[in-house]
Protein backbone atom coordinates (compact mmCIF):
# COMPACT_ATOMS: atom_id res chain seq x y z
CA MET A 1 27.37 18.07 37.96
CA GLN A 2 27.22 20.80 35.27
CA PRO A 3 30.14 21.18 33.11
CA PHE A 4 32.31 24.43 32.71
CA PRO A 5 31.65 27.36 32.77
CA VAL A 6 29.33 26.32 35.76
CA VAL A 7 31.95 24.64 37.43
CA SER A 8 35.96 24.51 36.94
CA ALA A 9 36.76 21.24 35.56
CA LYS A 10 40.53 22.20 36.45
CA ALA A 11 41.27 20.67 32.77
CA GLY A 12 45.11 20.07 32.57
CA GLY A 13 45.28 20.76 36.55
CA ALA A 14 44.75 24.57 35.91
CA LEU A 15 42.44 26.23 38.67
CA GLY A 16 42.59 29.45 36.54
CA THR A 17 43.97 30.01 33.35
CA SER A 18 45.70 26.98 31.39
CA PRO A 19 48.73 26.83 29.60
CA VAL A 20 48.71 27.37 25.93
CA GLY A 21 47.93 24.17 23.93
CA THR A 22 46.14 22.65 26.78
CA PHE A 23 43.39 21.62 24.69
CA PRO A 24 43.35 20.10 21.29
CA ALA A 25 42.73 22.17 18.27
CA ASN A 26 39.46 22.66 16.56
CA GLY A 27 38.22 21.16 13.03
CA TYR A 28 40.13 24.49 11.36
CA GLY A 29 43.40 23.78 13.29
CA LEU A 30 42.92 26.45 15.82
CA SER A 31 43.56 26.30 19.39
CA ASP A 32 43.19 28.58 22.44
CA MET A 33 40.63 30.69 20.62
CA THR A 34 38.42 31.56 23.65
CA GLY A 35 37.83 30.67 27.28
CA ASN A 36 41.19 31.05 28.85
CA ALA A 37 40.83 35.03 29.53
CA TRP A 38 38.86 37.86 28.20
CA GLN A 39 41.24 39.45 25.47
CA TRP A 40 41.84 42.98 25.53
CA VAL A 41 41.19 44.94 22.18
CA ALA A 42 42.60 48.46 21.51
CA ASP A 43 39.23 49.81 20.62
CA TRP A 44 37.06 51.87 22.95
CA TYR A 45 33.88 50.41 23.74
CA ARG A 46 30.84 51.69 22.50
CA ALA A 47 27.68 49.66 22.90
CA ASP A 48 26.08 51.15 19.65
CA GLN A 49 29.12 50.82 17.49
CA PHE A 50 28.28 48.14 15.19
CA LYS A 51 24.78 49.52 14.81
CA ARG A 52 26.36 53.16 13.82
CA GLU A 53 28.45 51.36 11.24
CA ALA A 54 25.73 49.38 9.83
CA VAL A 55 23.74 52.54 8.91
CA SER A 56 26.84 54.18 7.70
CA ALA A 57 26.73 54.70 3.80
CA LYS A 58 30.56 54.17 3.50
CA LEU A 59 32.17 50.65 3.15
CA ILE A 60 34.05 49.91 6.40
CA ASP A 61 37.35 47.95 5.79
CA ASN A 62 39.15 47.04 8.86
CA PRO A 63 37.46 49.39 11.40
CA ALA A 64 39.20 50.98 13.61
CA GLY A 65 36.83 51.27 16.31
CA PRO A 66 35.05 54.42 17.95
CA GLY A 67 36.92 57.51 18.80
CA GLU A 68 35.24 57.62 22.59
CA SER A 69 33.61 55.00 24.98
CA TRP A 70 30.04 54.77 25.53
CA ASP A 71 27.86 52.38 27.19
CA PRO A 72 23.97 53.05 28.08
CA SER A 73 23.98 50.42 30.75
CA GLU A 74 26.49 52.66 32.91
CA PRO A 75 24.83 56.06 32.74
CA GLY A 76 26.74 56.84 35.71
CA VAL A 77 30.04 56.41 34.09
CA PRO A 78 31.35 59.53 32.55
CA THR A 79 33.28 59.34 29.34
CA ALA A 80 36.32 60.68 31.42
CA ALA A 81 36.20 56.94 32.75
CA PRO A 82 36.21 55.25 29.15
CA ARG A 83 35.82 51.32 28.68
CA ARG A 84 38.11 49.58 26.49
CA VAL A 85 36.69 46.35 24.69
CA THR A 86 37.41 43.07 26.06
CA ARG A 87 35.92 39.88 24.11
CA GLY A 88 35.35 36.34 24.14
CA GLY A 89 35.06 35.23 27.80
CA SER A 90 37.32 33.82 30.55
CA PHE A 91 37.59 30.79 32.77
CA LEU A 92 35.41 33.03 35.37
CA CYS A 93 32.71 33.07 33.14
CA ASN A 94 29.21 31.95 34.78
CA GLU A 95 25.53 32.27 33.72
CA ASP A 96 25.27 35.16 36.25
CA TYR A 97 27.07 37.54 34.53
CA CYS A 98 28.71 36.02 31.34
CA LEU A 99 25.57 34.45 29.23
CA SER A 100 27.58 35.46 26.08
CA TYR A 101 30.49 33.02 26.46
CA ARG A 102 31.78 32.96 22.65
CA PRO A 103 34.44 34.48 20.65
CA SER A 104 32.27 37.05 19.39
CA ALA A 105 31.14 38.36 22.96
CA ARG A 106 32.16 42.02 23.67
CA ARG A 107 31.93 43.92 26.67
CA GLY A 108 33.44 47.41 28.16
CA THR A 109 36.13 46.97 30.71
CA ASP A 110 37.96 49.61 32.80
CA PRO A 111 41.64 49.63 31.16
CA TYR A 112 42.98 49.86 34.58
CA ASN A 113 41.26 46.31 35.68
CA SER A 114 44.33 43.87 36.51
CA MET A 115 42.05 40.90 37.02
CA SER A 116 43.37 37.48 36.48
CA HIS A 117 40.88 36.64 33.71
CA LEU A 118 42.01 39.32 31.34
CA GLY A 119 44.67 38.63 28.94
CA PHE A 120 45.80 39.39 25.25
CA ARG A 121 46.01 37.38 21.90
CA LEU A 122 49.11 37.32 20.13
CA VAL A 123 48.99 38.36 16.60
CA GLU A 124 51.23 39.08 13.79
CA ASP A 125 51.26 41.23 10.85
CA ASP A 126 51.50 40.32 7.30
CA ALA A 127 55.29 40.82 7.05
CA GLN A 128 55.71 38.29 10.13
CA TRP A 129 53.35 35.95 8.60
CA ARG A 130 55.26 35.91 4.98
CA GLN A 131 58.49 35.35 7.00
CA GLN A 132 57.54 32.02 8.23
CA GLY A 133 59.29 28.94 6.81
CA LYS A 134 57.72 26.68 4.15
CA ASP A 135 56.81 24.10 6.90
CA GLY A 136 54.48 26.67 8.29
CA LYS A 137 56.19 26.77 11.75
CA ALA A 138 55.55 30.48 13.54
CA ILE A 139 58.29 32.84 14.15
CA LYS A 140 59.12 32.88 17.86
CA GLN A 141 59.48 35.98 19.78
CA ALA A 142 60.42 36.85 23.24
CA THR A 143 57.82 38.44 25.62
CA ALA A 144 58.45 39.78 29.11
CA GLY A 145 57.84 36.19 30.70
CA GLY A 146 59.46 33.97 28.18
CA PRO A 147 58.99 32.84 24.62
CA ALA A 148 55.83 33.77 22.49
CA ARG A 149 54.20 31.80 20.21
CA LEU A 150 52.64 33.35 17.04
CA ASP A 151 49.04 31.82 15.91
CA ARG A 152 48.51 31.84 12.21
CA GLY A 153 44.84 31.68 13.04
CA SER A 154 45.11 35.31 14.75
CA ARG A 155 46.64 36.97 11.71
CA THR A 156 45.48 40.37 11.07
CA ALA A 157 46.48 43.39 8.61
CA ARG A 158 46.45 45.76 11.61
CA GLN A 159 49.72 46.39 13.58
CA PRO A 160 50.38 43.46 15.89
CA LEU A 161 49.66 43.81 19.84
CA ALA A 162 52.70 41.42 20.30
CA ILE A 163 51.46 40.11 23.50
CA SER A 164 49.47 36.83 24.49
CA THR A 165 46.60 35.50 26.04
CA GLY A 166 46.27 33.88 29.48
CA ALA A 167 48.67 36.01 31.50
CA ARG A 168 48.04 36.07 35.20
CA ASN A 169 48.42 39.47 36.62
CA GLY A 170 51.32 40.43 34.41
CA ALA A 171 53.31 37.11 34.69
CA GLY A 172 54.01 34.10 33.03
CA MET A 173 53.28 35.68 29.70
CA ARG A 174 53.30 33.30 26.76
């Protein structure tokens, strides 16, 4: 038997997404960084965006993403039906359609897609990070389905999305 992602190991008893903290942290102390659900990103998906930025003469600091969506692999999809970036991979990935199962993987996804393998990563802005106690415990905030847990490993200078990874069809947000 081949291991995940070819077969589901039902780790922690979960058949789909697994609860936050099911798996141990990596060597950097970060947990749940990939694999539970593709994570929505606010940027429009443009297949050539990194190439376009690489040839730009200006320094790119905290890129905001393209102004519109474009994917040459979907020539029939008009710009009137744009795609948002999803990243990372999910419990549904397999070799037929997810060869890039890694944190840096990106794909364009219809923003109206509500499949259970799509979720969000909770992030905090600089002000929230600085408000944490000396013991390093994260500030807790409430979301639609209960308490949210801030992840210091996801700190960003951008505005927070204030939603988390692993939500199943909008329920049970953590």
